[in-house]
Amino acid sequence: MAFRTLRNCIALIFICSGLYGCAANIQKPVELDAQFWSDKSQTIGVAMTTLPPSELVLGGQQGLLDLAINKGINSKLSTQVSTWKLQDAASIPDEIVAKLVAKGYKAKRVDESIDLTKFKENKFREGFFGRDLTPLQAKYGVDRLLLISYTASGAYRTYYSVVPTSVPTPQVGGIGLVVDLRDNHLLWYKPFAVTQPAQGEWDQPNYSNLSNAYYQAVDSSRQLVITPFAQ
């Protein structure tokens, strides 16, 4: 699978990782609703889910033996990728809160990481979140939840059998959303994915070009999430 194709289908993978439980119906992106900006009486909680570890994903047409061989060949790279951290994304809620407060909105950081798997899964309904987050209204004293969920971090490489068909490419991605906690209505729903090829050779002894590309991807993803609330 080429990265261009990966970029187009990655939102489905994210949703299947816990937001909608691999349901056949997929929520389409929702642009930031005008209702969000028009009502300053609502308290907005800004939170994140737990940041995922980074991993090297080997895709493409591989048998079980092929995959075992390819994992062995890439073991050193896989170890390096596992050291990449998403910590630079952890400050996103604080930045969004600051921007909303500066615009006159009531916003506060929710320090606790949100574990979406602990919430009841709803039957798919277009325009509504797939988990029942309404209990969070009373728990945190907020009317709306702005949630950033990173669900992919690391690098991706494709193979045909044991023949590589792409170079390793760093990637990060997830979903940003705003939920009205009265009824789980979505005021914003935005899957995001950033892939960043390494500049120069990727296979140096310490993979520094790949590492640099990864952190560039993290920074780009931060801007994608923050920008809608900075305008």
C-alpha atoms as a PDB file:
ATOM      1  CA  MET A   1       0.000   0.000   0.000  1.00  0.00           C
ATOM      2  CA  ALA A   2       1.435   3.354  -0.970  1.00  0.00           C
ATOM      3  CA  PHE A   3       1.477   6.187   1.554  1.00  0.00           C
ATOM      4  CA  ARG A   4      -0.983   8.192  -0.511  1.00  0.00           C
ATOM      5  CA  THR A   5      -3.452   5.340  -0.163  1.00  0.00           C
ATOM      6  CA  LEU A   6      -2.610   4.962   3.513  1.00  0.00           C
ATOM      7  CA  ARG A   7      -3.367   8.618   4.087  1.00  0.00           C
ATOM      8  CA  ASN A   8      -6.828   8.177   2.571  1.00  0.00           C
ATOM      9  CA  CYS A   9      -7.791   5.102   4.597  1.00  0.00           C
ATOM     10  CA  ILE A  10      -6.075   5.827   7.890  1.00  0.00           C
ATOM     11  CA  ALA A  11      -9.171   7.376   9.482  1.00  0.00           C
ATOM     12  CA  LEU A  12     -10.930   4.002   9.231  1.00  0.00           C
ATOM     13  CA  ILE A  13      -8.068   2.369  11.117  1.00  0.00           C
ATOM     14  CA  PHE A  14      -8.282   5.003  13.845  1.00  0.00           C
ATOM     15  CA  ILE A  15     -12.009   4.569  14.326  1.00  0.00           C
ATOM     16  CA  CYS A  16     -11.567   0.816  14.569  1.00  0.00           C
ATOM     17  CA  SER A  17      -9.039   1.334  17.362  1.00  0.00           C
ATOM     18  CA  GLY A  18     -11.710   2.166  19.923  1.00  0.00           C
ATOM     19  CA  LEU A  19     -13.840   5.123  18.861  1.00  0.00           C
ATOM     20  CA  TYR A  20     -16.545   3.139  17.118  1.00  0.00           C
ATOM     21  CA  GLY A  21     -15.462  -0.429  17.677  1.00  0.00           C
ATOM     22  CA  CYS A  22     -14.874  -1.292  13.997  1.00  0.00           C
ATOM     23  CA  ALA A  23     -18.467  -0.589  13.061  1.00  0.00           C
ATOM     24  CA  ALA A  24     -19.406  -0.793   9.417  1.00  0.00           C
ATOM     25  CA  ASN A  25     -20.644   2.796   9.496  1.00  0.00           C
ATOM     26  CA  ILE A  26     -17.988   5.477   9.644  1.00  0.00           C
ATOM     27  CA  GLN A  27     -18.533   9.006  10.918  1.00  0.00           C
ATOM     28  CA  LYS A  28     -17.708  11.597   8.270  1.00  0.00           C
ATOM     29  CA  PRO A  29     -15.663  14.687   9.199  1.00  0.00           C
ATOM     30  CA  VAL A  30     -17.668  17.505  10.770  1.00  0.00           C
ATOM     31  CA  GLU A  31     -16.475  21.078  10.304  1.00  0.00           C
ATOM     32  CA  LEU A  32     -16.377  23.196  13.459  1.00  0.00           C
ATOM     33  CA  ASP A  33     -20.042  24.046  14.046  1.00  0.00           C
ATOM     34  CA  ALA A  34     -21.057  27.716  14.169  1.00  0.00           C
ATOM     35  CA  GLN A  35     -22.896  26.836  17.384  1.00  0.00           C
ATOM     36  CA  PHE A  36     -19.516  26.314  19.015  1.00  0.00           C
ATOM     37  CA  TRP A  37     -18.504  29.916  18.412  1.00  0.00           C
ATOM     38  CA  SER A  38     -21.887  31.538  19.004  1.00  0.00           C
ATOM     39  CA  ASP A  39     -22.458  30.354  22.576  1.00  0.00           C
ATOM     40  CA  LYS A  40     -19.948  31.596  25.156  1.00  0.00           C
ATOM     41  CA  SER A  41     -22.040  30.441  28.095  1.00  0.00           C
ATOM     42  CA  GLN A  42     -20.930  26.828  27.739  1.00  0.00           C
ATOM     43  CA  THR A  43     -17.911  25.531  29.660  1.00  0.00           C
ATOM     44  CA  ILE A  44     -15.475  23.672  27.427  1.00  0.00           C
ATOM     45  CA  GLY A  45     -13.249  20.935  28.820  1.00  0.00           C
ATOM     46  CA  VAL A  46     -10.142  20.173  26.756  1.00  0.00           C
ATOM     47  CA  ALA A  47      -8.617  16.725  27.155  1.00  0.00           C
ATOM     48  CA  MET A  48      -6.545  14.030  25.497  1.00  0.00           C
ATOM     49  CA  THR A  49      -6.610  10.275  25.397  1.00  0.00           C
ATOM     50  CA  THR A  50      -3.473   8.389  26.450  1.00  0.00           C
ATOM     51  CA  LEU A  51      -0.659   8.911  23.954  1.00  0.00           C
ATOM     52  CA  PRO A  52       0.179   5.673  22.099  1.00  0.00           C
ATOM     53  CA  PRO A  53       3.673   4.190  21.898  1.00  0.00           C
ATOM     54  CA  SER A  54       5.531   4.486  18.614  1.00  0.00           C
ATOM     55  CA  GLU A  55       5.957   1.400  16.467  1.00  0.00           C
ATOM     56  CA  LEU A  56       7.164   0.314  13.053  1.00  0.00           C
ATOM     57  CA  VAL A  57       4.313  -1.119  10.988  1.00  0.00           C
ATOM     58  CA  LEU A  58       5.185  -3.459   8.103  1.00  0.00           C
ATOM     59  CA  GLY A  59       2.416  -3.529   5.512  1.00  0.00           C
ATOM     60  CA  GLY A  60       1.900  -4.907   2.033  1.00  0.00           C
ATOM     61  CA  GLN A  61       1.501  -8.444   0.679  1.00  0.00           C
ATOM     62  CA  GLN A  62       3.417 -10.706   3.049  1.00  0.00           C
ATOM     63  CA  GLY A  63       2.923 -14.254   4.210  1.00  0.00           C
ATOM     64  CA  LEU A  64       3.558 -15.220   7.821  1.00  0.00           C
ATOM     65  CA  LEU A  65       7.098 -16.385   7.026  1.00  0.00           C
ATOM     66  CA  ASP A  66       7.747 -13.227   4.981  1.00  0.00           C
ATOM     67  CA  LEU A  67       6.578 -11.066   7.870  1.00  0.00           C
ATOM     68  CA  ALA A  68       8.818 -12.906  10.328  1.00  0.00           C
ATOM     69  CA  ILE A  69      11.822 -12.390   8.048  1.00  0.00           C
ATOM     70  CA  ASN A  70      10.989  -8.724   7.472  1.00  0.00           C
ATOM     71  CA  LYS A  71      10.583  -8.094  11.188  1.00  0.00           C
ATOM     72  CA  GLY A  72      14.016  -9.591  11.759  1.00  0.00           C
ATOM     73  CA  ILE A  73      15.603  -7.453   9.055  1.00  0.00           C
ATOM     74  CA  ASN A  74      13.985  -4.337  10.531  1.00  0.00           C
ATOM     75  CA  SER A  75      14.594  -5.166  14.193  1.00  0.00           C
ATOM     76  CA  LYS A  76      17.157  -2.404  14.733  1.00  0.00           C
ATOM     77  CA  LEU A  77      14.923   0.164  13.049  1.00  0.00           C
ATOM     78  CA  SER A  78      11.937  -1.068  15.051  1.00  0.00           C
ATOM     79  CA  THR A  79      13.859  -0.580  18.281  1.00  0.00           C
ATOM     80  CA  GLN A  80      14.793   2.963  17.243  1.00  0.00           C
ATOM     81  CA  VAL A  81      11.199   3.828  16.299  1.00  0.00           C
ATOM     82  CA  SER A  82      10.015   2.629  19.720  1.00  0.00           C
ATOM     83  CA  THR A  83      12.107   5.421  21.321  1.00  0.00           C
ATOM     84  CA  TRP A  84      10.183   8.169  19.500  1.00  0.00           C
ATOM     85  CA  LYS A  85       7.848  10.001  21.879  1.00  0.00           C
ATOM     86  CA  LEU A  86       4.662  11.987  21.330  1.00  0.00           C
ATOM     87  CA  GLN A  87       5.276  14.124  24.405  1.00  0.00           C
ATOM     88  CA  ASP A  88       5.412  17.329  22.336  1.00  0.00           C
ATOM     89  CA  ALA A  89       1.707  16.766  21.672  1.00  0.00           C
ATOM     90  CA  ALA A  90       0.856  16.668  25.385  1.00  0.00           C
ATOM     91  CA  SER A  91       0.698  20.469  25.636  1.00  0.00           C
ATOM     92  CA  ILE A  92      -1.985  20.800  22.943  1.00  0.00           C
ATOM     93  CA  PRO A  93      -4.892  21.102  25.447  1.00  0.00           C
ATOM     94  CA  ASP A  94      -3.140  23.905  27.337  1.00  0.00           C
ATOM     95  CA  GLU A  95      -2.546  25.847  24.125  1.00  0.00           C
ATOM     96  CA  ILE A  96      -6.152  25.434  22.998  1.00  0.00           C
ATOM     97  CA  VAL A  97      -7.474  26.474  26.418  1.00  0.00           C
ATOM     98  CA  ALA A  98      -5.335  29.616  26.322  1.00  0.00           C
ATOM     99  CA  LYS A  99      -6.619  30.546  22.863  1.00  0.00           C
ATOM    100  CA  LEU A 100     -10.271  29.968  23.799  1.00  0.00           C
ATOM    101  CA  VAL A 101     -10.001  31.923  27.047  1.00  0.00           C
ATOM    102  CA  ALA A 102      -8.374  34.805  25.171  1.00  0.00           C
ATOM    103  CA  LYS A 103     -11.450  34.877  22.921  1.00  0.00           C
ATOM    104  CA  GLY A 104     -13.795  35.097  25.890  1.00  0.00           C
ATOM    105  CA  TYR A 105     -14.844  31.449  26.176  1.00  0.00           C
ATOM    106  CA  LYS A 106     -15.019  29.447  29.387  1.00  0.00           C
ATOM    107  CA  ALA A 107     -12.468  26.689  28.918  1.00  0.00           C
ATOM    108  CA  LYS A 108     -10.390  24.522  31.207  1.00  0.00           C
ATOM    109  CA  ARG A 109      -7.890  21.707  30.945  1.00  0.00           C
ATOM    110  CA  VAL A 110      -9.024  18.216  31.927  1.00  0.00           C
ATOM    111  CA  ASP A 111      -5.844  16.725  33.352  1.00  0.00           C
ATOM    112  CA  GLU A 112      -7.027  13.125  33.382  1.00  0.00           C
ATOM    113  CA  SER A 113      -6.445  11.099  30.200  1.00  0.00           C
ATOM    114  CA  ILE A 114      -9.742   9.899  28.731  1.00  0.00           C
ATOM    115  CA  ASP A 115      -9.995   6.150  28.152  1.00  0.00           C
ATOM    116  CA  LEU A 116     -12.715   5.854  25.517  1.00  0.00           C
ATOM    117  CA  THR A 117     -13.017   2.086  25.909  1.00  0.00           C
ATOM    118  CA  LYS A 118     -14.545   2.610  29.369  1.00  0.00           C
ATOM    119  CA  PHE A 119     -17.601   4.338  27.920  1.00  0.00           C
ATOM    120  CA  LYS A 120     -20.670   2.607  26.578  1.00  0.00           C
ATOM    121  CA  GLU A 121     -20.641   2.141  22.820  1.00  0.00           C
ATOM    122  CA  ASN A 122     -23.599   3.727  21.054  1.00  0.00           C
ATOM    123  CA  LYS A 123     -25.392   2.457  18.005  1.00  0.00           C
ATOM    124  CA  PHE A 124     -24.048   4.357  15.006  1.00  0.00           C
ATOM    125  CA  ARG A 125     -25.837   7.617  14.352  1.00  0.00           C
ATOM    126  CA  GLU A 126     -24.491  10.169  11.887  1.00  0.00           C
ATOM    127  CA  GLY A 127     -23.361  13.320  13.656  1.00  0.00           C
ATOM    128  CA  PHE A 128     -23.144  11.751  17.118  1.00  0.00           C
ATOM    129  CA  PHE A 129     -20.133  10.313  18.890  1.00  0.00           C
ATOM    130  CA  GLY A 130     -19.847   6.546  19.049  1.00  0.00           C
ATOM    131  CA  ARG A 131     -19.307   6.410  22.811  1.00  0.00           C
ATOM    132  CA  ASP A 132     -21.578   7.808  25.514  1.00  0.00           C
ATOM    133  CA  LEU A 133     -19.514  10.596  27.053  1.00  0.00           C
ATOM    134  CA  THR A 134     -22.444  12.279  28.829  1.00  0.00           C
ATOM    135  CA  PRO A 135     -21.224  11.179  32.321  1.00  0.00           C
ATOM    136  CA  LEU A 136     -18.255  13.531  31.891  1.00  0.00           C
ATOM    137  CA  GLN A 137     -20.523  16.587  32.106  1.00  0.00           C
ATOM    138  CA  ALA A 138     -21.081  16.078  35.820  1.00  0.00           C
ATOM    139  CA  LYS A 139     -17.663  14.572  36.511  1.00  0.00           C
ATOM    140  CA  TYR A 140     -15.662  17.526  35.187  1.00  0.00           C
ATOM    141  CA  GLY A 141     -18.255  20.310  35.361  1.00  0.00           C
ATOM    142  CA  VAL A 142     -18.116  20.975  31.597  1.00  0.00           C
ATOM    143  CA  ASP A 143     -20.799  21.246  28.942  1.00  0.00           C
ATOM    144  CA  ARG A 144     -18.652  20.374  25.946  1.00  0.00           C
ATOM    145  CA  LEU A 145     -15.615  18.164  25.620  1.00  0.00           C
ATOM    146  CA  LEU A 146     -12.877  19.023  23.142  1.00  0.00           C
ATOM    147  CA  LEU A 147     -10.919  15.786  22.867  1.00  0.00           C
ATOM    148  CA  ILE A 148      -7.669  15.096  21.040  1.00  0.00           C
ATOM    149  CA  SER A 149      -6.982  11.414  20.436  1.00  0.00           C
ATOM    150  CA  TYR A 150      -3.684  10.318  18.923  1.00  0.00           C
ATOM    151  CA  THR A 151      -4.025   6.736  17.740  1.00  0.00           C
ATOM    152  CA  ALA A 152      -0.974   6.206  15.523  1.00  0.00           C
ATOM    153  CA  SER A 153       2.677   7.043  16.051  1.00  0.00           C
ATOM    154  CA  GLY A 154       5.820   5.686  14.446  1.00  0.00           C
ATOM    155  CA  ALA A 155       6.719   4.669  10.902  1.00  0.00           C
ATOM    156  CA  TYR A 156       5.316   2.556   8.090  1.00  0.00           C
ATOM    157  CA  ARG A 157       7.079   0.432   5.465  1.00  0.00           C
ATOM    158  CA  THR A 158       5.614  -1.789   2.758  1.00  0.00           C
ATOM    159  CA  TYR A 159       6.795  -5.091   1.348  1.00  0.00           C
ATOM    160  CA  TYR A 160       5.916  -7.512  -1.415  1.00  0.00           C
ATOM    161  CA  SER A 161       6.940 -10.839   0.098  1.00  0.00           C
ATOM    162  CA  VAL A 162      10.461 -10.036   1.359  1.00  0.00           C
ATOM    163  CA  VAL A 163      11.103  -7.252  -1.141  1.00  0.00           C
ATOM    164  CA  PRO A 164      10.681  -3.707   0.241  1.00  0.00           C
ATOM    165  CA  THR A 165       8.368  -1.549  -1.881  1.00  0.00           C
ATOM    166  CA  SER A 166       8.812   1.660   0.121  1.00  0.00           C
ATOM    167  CA  VAL A 167      11.277   3.257   2.480  1.00  0.00           C
ATOM    168  CA  PRO A 168      10.286   3.696   6.124  1.00  0.00           C
ATOM    169  CA  THR A 169       8.203   6.851   6.508  1.00  0.00           C
ATOM    170  CA  PRO A 170       7.333   8.451   9.851  1.00  0.00           C
ATOM    171  CA  GLN A 171       3.647   9.011  10.561  1.00  0.00           C
ATOM    172  CA  VAL A 172       1.370  10.296  13.311  1.00  0.00           C
ATOM    173  CA  GLY A 173      -2.370  10.646  13.342  1.00  0.00           C
ATOM    174  CA  GLY A 174      -5.614  10.519  15.232  1.00  0.00           C
ATOM    175  CA  ILE A 175      -8.878  12.395  15.635  1.00  0.00           C
ATOM    176  CA  GLY A 176      -9.899  15.751  17.086  1.00  0.00           C
ATOM    177  CA  LEU A 177     -13.504  16.235  18.172  1.00  0.00           C
ATOM    178  CA  VAL A 178     -15.888  18.401  20.151  1.00  0.00           C
ATOM    179  CA  VAL A 179     -18.838  16.661  21.813  1.00  0.00           C
ATOM    180  CA  ASP A 180     -21.898  18.318  23.313  1.00  0.00           C
ATOM    181  CA  LEU A 181     -22.120  16.351  26.569  1.00  0.00           C
ATOM    182  CA  ARG A 182     -25.872  16.781  26.819  1.00  0.00           C
ATOM    183  CA  ASP A 183     -26.515  14.328  23.987  1.00  0.00           C
ATOM    184  CA  ASN A 184     -23.166  13.285  22.393  1.00  0.00           C
ATOM    185  CA  HIS A 185     -23.815  15.545  19.401  1.00  0.00           C
ATOM    186  CA  LEU A 186     -20.634  16.288  17.441  1.00  0.00           C
ATOM    187  CA  LEU A 187     -19.768  19.945  16.932  1.00  0.00           C
ATOM    188  CA  TRP A 188     -16.421  19.032  15.348  1.00  0.00           C
ATOM    189  CA  TYR A 189     -14.943  15.764  14.126  1.00  0.00           C
ATOM    190  CA  LYS A 190     -11.642  15.785  12.267  1.00  0.00           C
ATOM    191  CA  PRO A 191      -9.467  12.741  11.533  1.00  0.00           C
ATOM    192  CA  PHE A 192      -5.893  13.826  10.886  1.00  0.00           C
ATOM    193  CA  ALA A 193      -2.829  12.036   9.550  1.00  0.00           C
ATOM    194  CA  VAL A 194       0.638  13.349   8.820  1.00  0.00           C
ATOM    195  CA  THR A 195       3.366  11.442   7.009  1.00  0.00           C
ATOM    196  CA  GLN A 196       6.810  12.989   6.723  1.00  0.00           C
ATOM    197  CA  PRO A 197       9.519  11.401   4.524  1.00  0.00           C
ATOM    198  CA  ALA A 198      13.083  11.713   5.755  1.00  0.00           C
ATOM    199  CA  GLN A 199      15.264  14.346   4.140  1.00  0.00           C
ATOM    200  CA  GLY A 200      18.408  12.662   2.796  1.00  0.00           C
ATOM    201  CA  GLU A 201      19.388   9.058   3.521  1.00  0.00           C
ATOM    202  CA  TRP A 202      17.109   7.294   5.973  1.00  0.00           C
ATOM    203  CA  ASP A 203      19.346   4.368   6.924  1.00  0.00           C
ATOM    204  CA  GLN A 204      22.196   6.033   8.797  1.00  0.00           C
ATOM    205  CA  PRO A 205      23.492   4.096  11.827  1.00  0.00           C
ATOM    206  CA  ASN A 206      21.369   6.167  14.241  1.00  0.00           C
ATOM    207  CA  TYR A 207      18.474   6.938  11.852  1.00  0.00           C
ATOM    208  CA  SER A 208      18.763  10.653  12.650  1.00  0.00           C
ATOM    209  CA  ASN A 209      17.030  11.783   9.442  1.00  0.00           C
ATOM    210  CA  LEU A 210      14.071   9.517  10.167  1.00  0.00           C
ATOM    211  CA  SER A 211      13.896  10.766  13.745  1.00  0.00           C
ATOM    212  CA  ASN A 212      13.948  14.383  12.592  1.00  0.00           C
ATOM    213  CA  ALA A 213      11.168  13.648  10.119  1.00  0.00           C
ATOM    214  CA  TYR A 214       9.064  12.052  12.861  1.00  0.00           C
ATOM    215  CA  TYR A 215       9.269  15.103  15.104  1.00  0.00           C
ATOM    216  CA  GLN A 216       8.441  17.324  12.124  1.00  0.00           C
ATOM    217  CA  ALA A 217       5.318  15.201  11.627  1.00  0.00           C
ATOM    218  CA  VAL A 218       4.412  15.616  15.305  1.00  0.00           C
ATOM    219  CA  ASP A 219       4.769  19.385  15.019  1.00  0.00           C
ATOM    220  CA  SER A 220       2.642  19.464  11.857  1.00  0.00           C
ATOM    221  CA  SER A 221      -0.066  17.430  13.568  1.00  0.00           C
ATOM    222  CA  ARG A 222      -0.074  19.877  16.485  1.00  0.00           C
ATOM    223  CA  GLN A 223      -0.717  22.752  14.109  1.00  0.00           C
ATOM    224  CA  LEU A 224      -3.560  20.854  12.390  1.00  0.00           C
ATOM    225  CA  VAL A 225      -5.306  20.394  15.730  1.00  0.00           C
ATOM    226  CA  ILE A 226      -4.672  23.836  17.215  1.00  0.00           C
ATOM    227  CA  THR A 227      -5.307  26.013  14.139  1.00  0.00           C
ATOM    228  CA  PRO A 228      -9.148  25.692  14.056  1.00  0.00           C
ATOM    229  CA  PHE A 229      -9.300  27.291  17.523  1.00  0.00           C
ATOM    230  CA  ALA A 230      -6.720  30.000  16.816  1.00  0.00           C
ATOM    231  CA  GLN A 231      -8.604  31.747  14.018  1.00  0.00           C
END
